Amino acid sequence: MRILLVEDEFDLRQVIKKRLQKEKYVIDDCGNGLDAEDYIDLTDYDAIILDGMLPGRDGFDILKNMRKKGNHTPVLMLTARDSVEYRVKGLDYGADDYLVKPFSFDELLARLRAIMRRKPVYVAKDLVVDDLKMDTNAKTVTRGGDTIDLSGKEYMLLEFLLQNKNMVLSREQIQERVWGYDFEGGSNIVDVYIRYLRRKIDYGRTKKLIQTVRGVGYVIRG
């Protein structure tokens, strides 16, 4: 799951970001409304955590414009103002839920899970290529009936490949989706994890599903 976190209080933003990353979410974050609009226009998020009062562009205006454009990404509004007026404003503009600061992180997680459950899901329950099958509900992967154990990042990488089977994905596309825009790891991280997946999925099998397109990126196909 990929989430955009928009919060102008730097320390609070870093705390929320780290806690969400521990829950295996991929997080993009920013501290002002203008950057937030760029992120929202360029990326398809599973949810957005949006502060109501932001420099550059007000969070309520961002939300209102999102809905006008037909963007129905679930939005959890954060605000230090707990008046009924502001809560009504946020909900009227299209917020899916509202959380007043200070808040419990467990409550934030619960509300985040709740709004994401309401988002229409168009991805098939099973993602399949040849004899490789991913059950996205049970979070299991098998090939030829054999169970394949994957780490969290390996699973996310394979899921992205399967969602785009037969399409060549660049290293940049993969890194942005699986690790996020602000990932500061090694430049070869995608290649490293592709090798991990190949050992688990293709090693010892006649048919290789994960293929390299030289100079472009990777593709999974049967």
Protein backbone atom coordinates (compact mmCIF):
# COMPACT_ATOMS: atom_id res chain seq x y z
CA MET A 1 0.00 0.00 0.00
CA ARG A 2 1.32 3.44 -0.94
CA ILE A 3 0.34 6.45 1.14
CA LEU A 4 0.95 10.17 0.80
CA LEU A 5 1.53 11.95 4.11
CA VAL A 6 1.07 15.74 4.03
CA GLU A 7 1.95 17.42 7.33
CA ASP A 8 3.80 20.71 7.84
CA GLU A 9 5.06 19.93 11.37
CA PHE A 10 8.36 18.26 10.49
CA ASP A 11 8.86 16.29 13.71
CA LEU A 12 5.31 14.98 13.72
CA ARG A 13 5.59 14.06 10.04
CA GLN A 14 8.76 12.08 10.66
CA VAL A 15 7.20 10.21 13.59
CA ILE A 16 4.10 9.27 11.59
CA LYS A 17 6.20 8.29 8.57
CA LYS A 18 8.46 5.96 10.56
CA ARG A 19 5.53 4.31 12.31
CA LEU A 20 3.71 3.74 9.02
CA GLN A 21 6.85 2.31 7.42
CA LYS A 22 7.07 -0.18 10.29
CA GLU A 23 3.57 -1.27 9.29
CA LYS A 24 4.95 -2.02 5.77
CA TYR A 25 3.38 0.97 4.03
CA VAL A 26 5.33 2.80 1.31
CA ILE A 27 5.29 6.48 2.25
CA ASP A 28 5.78 9.65 0.24
CA ASP A 29 5.72 12.78 2.37
CA CYS A 30 5.81 16.55 2.07
CA GLY A 31 5.17 19.61 4.21
CA ASN A 32 3.31 22.07 2.02
CA GLY A 33 0.24 22.20 -0.16
CA LEU A 34 1.95 22.98 -3.46
CA ASP A 35 4.20 19.91 -3.26
CA ALA A 36 1.19 17.85 -2.17
CA GLU A 37 -0.70 18.77 -5.34
CA ASP A 38 2.26 17.68 -7.47
CA TYR A 39 2.45 14.31 -5.68
CA ILE A 40 -1.30 13.76 -6.04
CA ASP A 41 -1.31 14.63 -9.75
CA LEU A 42 1.63 12.34 -10.52
CA THR A 43 0.90 9.27 -8.40
CA ASP A 44 -1.97 6.88 -7.72
CA TYR A 45 -2.11 6.50 -3.93
CA ASP A 46 -4.04 3.99 -1.84
CA ALA A 47 -4.73 6.72 0.74
CA ILE A 48 -3.73 10.27 1.67
CA ILE A 49 -3.20 11.63 5.18
CA LEU A 50 -3.78 15.36 4.75
CA ASP A 51 -3.26 18.16 7.27
CA GLY A 52 -5.99 20.77 7.03
CA MET A 53 -3.77 23.83 7.47
CA LEU A 54 -0.72 23.94 5.21
CA PRO A 55 1.64 26.57 3.81
CA GLY A 56 1.40 27.20 0.09
CA ARG A 57 -2.05 25.68 -0.37
CA ASP A 58 -4.70 24.93 2.23
CA GLY A 59 -5.44 21.24 2.79
CA PHE A 60 -9.17 21.80 2.47
CA ASP A 61 -8.67 23.43 -0.95
CA ILE A 62 -6.46 20.53 -2.05
CA LEU A 63 -9.18 18.09 -1.05
CA LYS A 64 -11.91 20.08 -2.76
CA ASN A 65 -9.93 20.26 -6.01
CA MET A 66 -9.13 16.53 -5.87
CA ARG A 67 -12.81 15.67 -5.76
CA LYS A 68 -13.64 18.13 -8.53
CA LYS A 69 -11.10 16.36 -10.74
CA GLY A 70 -12.71 13.00 -10.00
CA ASN A 71 -9.90 11.76 -7.76
CA HIS A 72 -11.58 9.45 -5.21
CA THR A 73 -8.47 8.40 -3.28
CA PRO A 74 -9.42 7.91 0.40
CA VAL A 75 -8.40 10.94 2.49
CA LEU A 76 -7.89 11.10 6.24
CA MET A 77 -7.85 14.73 7.36
CA LEU A 78 -5.67 15.84 10.28
CA THR A 79 -6.23 19.13 12.11
CA ALA A 80 -5.51 20.86 15.38
CA ARG A 81 -8.96 22.45 15.27
CA ASP A 82 -11.68 20.32 16.79
CA SER A 83 -14.67 22.58 16.17
CA VAL A 84 -17.75 21.13 14.51
CA GLU A 85 -17.39 23.77 11.78
CA TYR A 86 -14.04 22.42 10.61
CA ARG A 87 -15.08 18.79 10.81
CA VAL A 88 -18.19 19.51 8.75
CA LYS A 89 -16.12 21.48 6.23
CA GLY A 90 -13.69 18.61 5.75
CA LEU A 91 -16.43 16.03 5.33
CA ASP A 92 -18.41 18.26 2.97
CA TYR A 93 -15.31 18.75 0.81
CA GLY A 94 -14.94 14.99 0.49
CA ALA A 95 -12.82 13.72 3.38
CA ASP A 96 -13.42 10.07 4.24
CA ASP A 97 -12.56 10.59 7.91
CA TYR A 98 -11.28 13.22 10.33
CA LEU A 99 -8.73 13.03 13.15
CA VAL A 100 -8.00 15.82 15.61
CA LYS A 101 -4.48 16.41 17.00
CA PRO A 102 -3.15 15.16 19.32
CA PHE A 103 -4.19 11.63 18.46
CA SER A 104 -3.35 8.02 19.24
CA PHE A 105 -1.27 6.36 16.54
CA ASP A 106 -3.29 3.16 16.97
CA GLU A 107 -6.43 5.18 16.19
CA LEU A 108 -4.78 6.70 13.12
CA LEU A 109 -3.90 3.20 11.87
CA ALA A 110 -7.42 1.93 12.50
CA ARG A 111 -9.02 4.87 10.70
CA LEU A 112 -6.56 4.50 7.82
CA ARG A 113 -7.40 0.81 7.41
CA ALA A 114 -11.10 1.64 7.53
CA ILE A 115 -11.04 4.26 4.76
CA MET A 116 -8.89 2.05 2.53
CA ARG A 117 -11.39 -0.78 2.89
CA ARG A 118 -14.03 1.52 1.41
CA LYS A 119 -12.00 2.20 -1.73
CA PRO A 120 -13.34 0.24 -4.71
CA VAL A 121 -10.94 -2.58 -5.51
CA TYR A 122 -10.53 -3.50 -9.15
CA VAL A 123 -7.45 -5.70 -8.81
CA ALA A 124 -8.18 -9.39 -9.14
CA LYS A 125 -7.94 -11.50 -5.99
CA ASP A 126 -5.54 -13.86 -7.77
CA LEU A 127 -2.65 -12.61 -9.89
CA VAL A 128 -1.45 -15.36 -12.22
CA VAL A 129 1.31 -15.85 -14.77
CA ASP A 130 1.76 -19.38 -16.11
CA ASP A 131 1.96 -21.64 -13.01
CA LEU A 132 2.85 -18.74 -10.67
CA LYS A 133 -0.06 -17.58 -8.52
CA MET A 134 -0.39 -14.81 -5.94
CA ASP A 135 -3.43 -14.73 -3.67
CA THR A 136 -3.66 -11.05 -2.74
CA ASN A 137 -6.14 -11.70 0.07
CA ALA A 138 -4.19 -14.46 1.80
CA LYS A 139 -0.85 -12.86 0.84
CA THR A 140 0.48 -16.19 -0.40
CA VAL A 141 2.54 -17.10 -3.47
CA THR A 142 2.84 -20.50 -5.12
CA ARG A 143 4.46 -21.85 -8.26
CA GLY A 144 3.37 -25.21 -9.58
CA GLY A 145 1.60 -25.71 -6.26
CA ASP A 146 4.79 -25.15 -4.24
CA THR A 147 4.63 -22.41 -1.61
CA ILE A 148 7.17 -19.61 -2.01
CA ASP A 149 8.14 -17.60 1.08
CA LEU A 150 8.85 -13.95 0.35
CA SER A 151 9.96 -11.00 2.43
CA GLY A 152 7.74 -7.92 2.54
CA LYS A 153 9.68 -6.05 -0.16
CA GLU A 154 9.96 -9.16 -2.34
CA TYR A 155 6.19 -9.59 -2.13
CA MET A 156 5.56 -5.94 -3.04
CA LEU A 157 7.95 -6.16 -5.98
CA LEU A 158 6.36 -9.35 -7.29
CA GLU A 159 2.86 -7.92 -6.84
CA PHE A 160 3.80 -4.84 -8.89
CA LEU A 161 5.27 -7.01 -11.64
CA LEU A 162 2.18 -9.23 -11.70
CA GLN A 163 -0.20 -6.30 -11.76
CA ASN A 164 1.63 -5.18 -14.89
CA LYS A 165 2.38 -8.57 -16.45
CA ASN A 166 3.65 -8.45 -20.02
CA MET A 167 4.55 -4.79 -19.53
CA VAL A 168 8.19 -3.73 -19.30
CA LEU A 169 8.78 -1.68 -16.15
CA SER A 170 11.80 0.58 -15.75
CA ARG A 171 13.96 0.46 -12.64
CA GLU A 172 12.73 3.96 -11.80
CA GLN A 173 9.07 2.90 -11.98
CA ILE A 174 9.73 -0.10 -9.76
CA GLN A 175 11.77 1.86 -7.22
CA GLU A 176 9.17 4.63 -6.93
CA ARG A 177 6.32 2.15 -6.44
CA VAL A 178 8.00 -0.28 -4.05
CA TRP A 179 10.40 1.98 -2.15
CA GLY A 180 8.90 5.47 -2.60
CA TYR A 181 10.20 8.70 -4.10
CA ASP A 182 12.54 9.58 -1.25
CA PHE A 183 14.34 6.23 -0.97
CA GLU A 184 18.01 6.83 -0.26
CA GLY A 185 19.39 3.32 -0.64
CA GLY A 186 21.78 2.02 -3.29
CA SER A 187 21.04 2.71 -6.93
CA ASN A 188 21.06 -1.03 -7.68
CA ILE A 189 18.42 -1.96 -5.11
CA VAL A 190 15.93 -3.04 -7.80
CA ASP A 191 18.49 -5.33 -9.45
CA VAL A 192 19.33 -6.87 -6.08
CA TYR A 193 15.70 -7.70 -5.29
CA ILE A 194 15.05 -8.99 -8.80
CA ARG A 195 17.89 -11.47 -8.16
CA TYR A 196 16.27 -12.46 -4.87
CA LEU A 197 12.96 -13.11 -6.63
CA ARG A 198 14.56 -15.09 -9.43
CA ARG A 199 16.26 -17.42 -6.95
CA LYS A 200 12.91 -18.16 -5.34
CA ILE A 201 10.67 -18.20 -8.42
CA ASP A 202 12.76 -19.22 -11.42
CA TYR A 203 15.76 -21.12 -10.06
CA GLY A 204 15.76 -24.76 -11.14
CA ARG A 205 12.78 -24.33 -13.45
CA THR A 206 12.89 -24.66 -17.22
CA LYS A 207 10.60 -21.71 -17.86
CA LYS A 208 11.90 -18.37 -16.57
CA LEU A 209 9.12 -15.89 -15.84
CA ILE A 210 11.07 -12.79 -14.76
CA GLN A 211 12.87 -11.42 -17.79
CA THR A 212 15.31 -8.57 -18.37
CA VAL A 213 14.81 -6.16 -21.23
CA ARG A 214 18.29 -4.80 -21.74
CA GLY A 215 18.56 -1.05 -21.31
CA VAL A 216 14.92 -0.74 -20.25
CA GLY A 217 13.98 -2.78 -17.17
CA TYR A 218 12.09 -5.94 -16.21
CA VAL A 219 8.93 -7.78 -17.17
CA ILE A 220 7.13 -10.88 -15.94
CA ARG A 221 5.42 -13.05 -18.55
CA GLY A 222 4.61 -16.69 -19.19
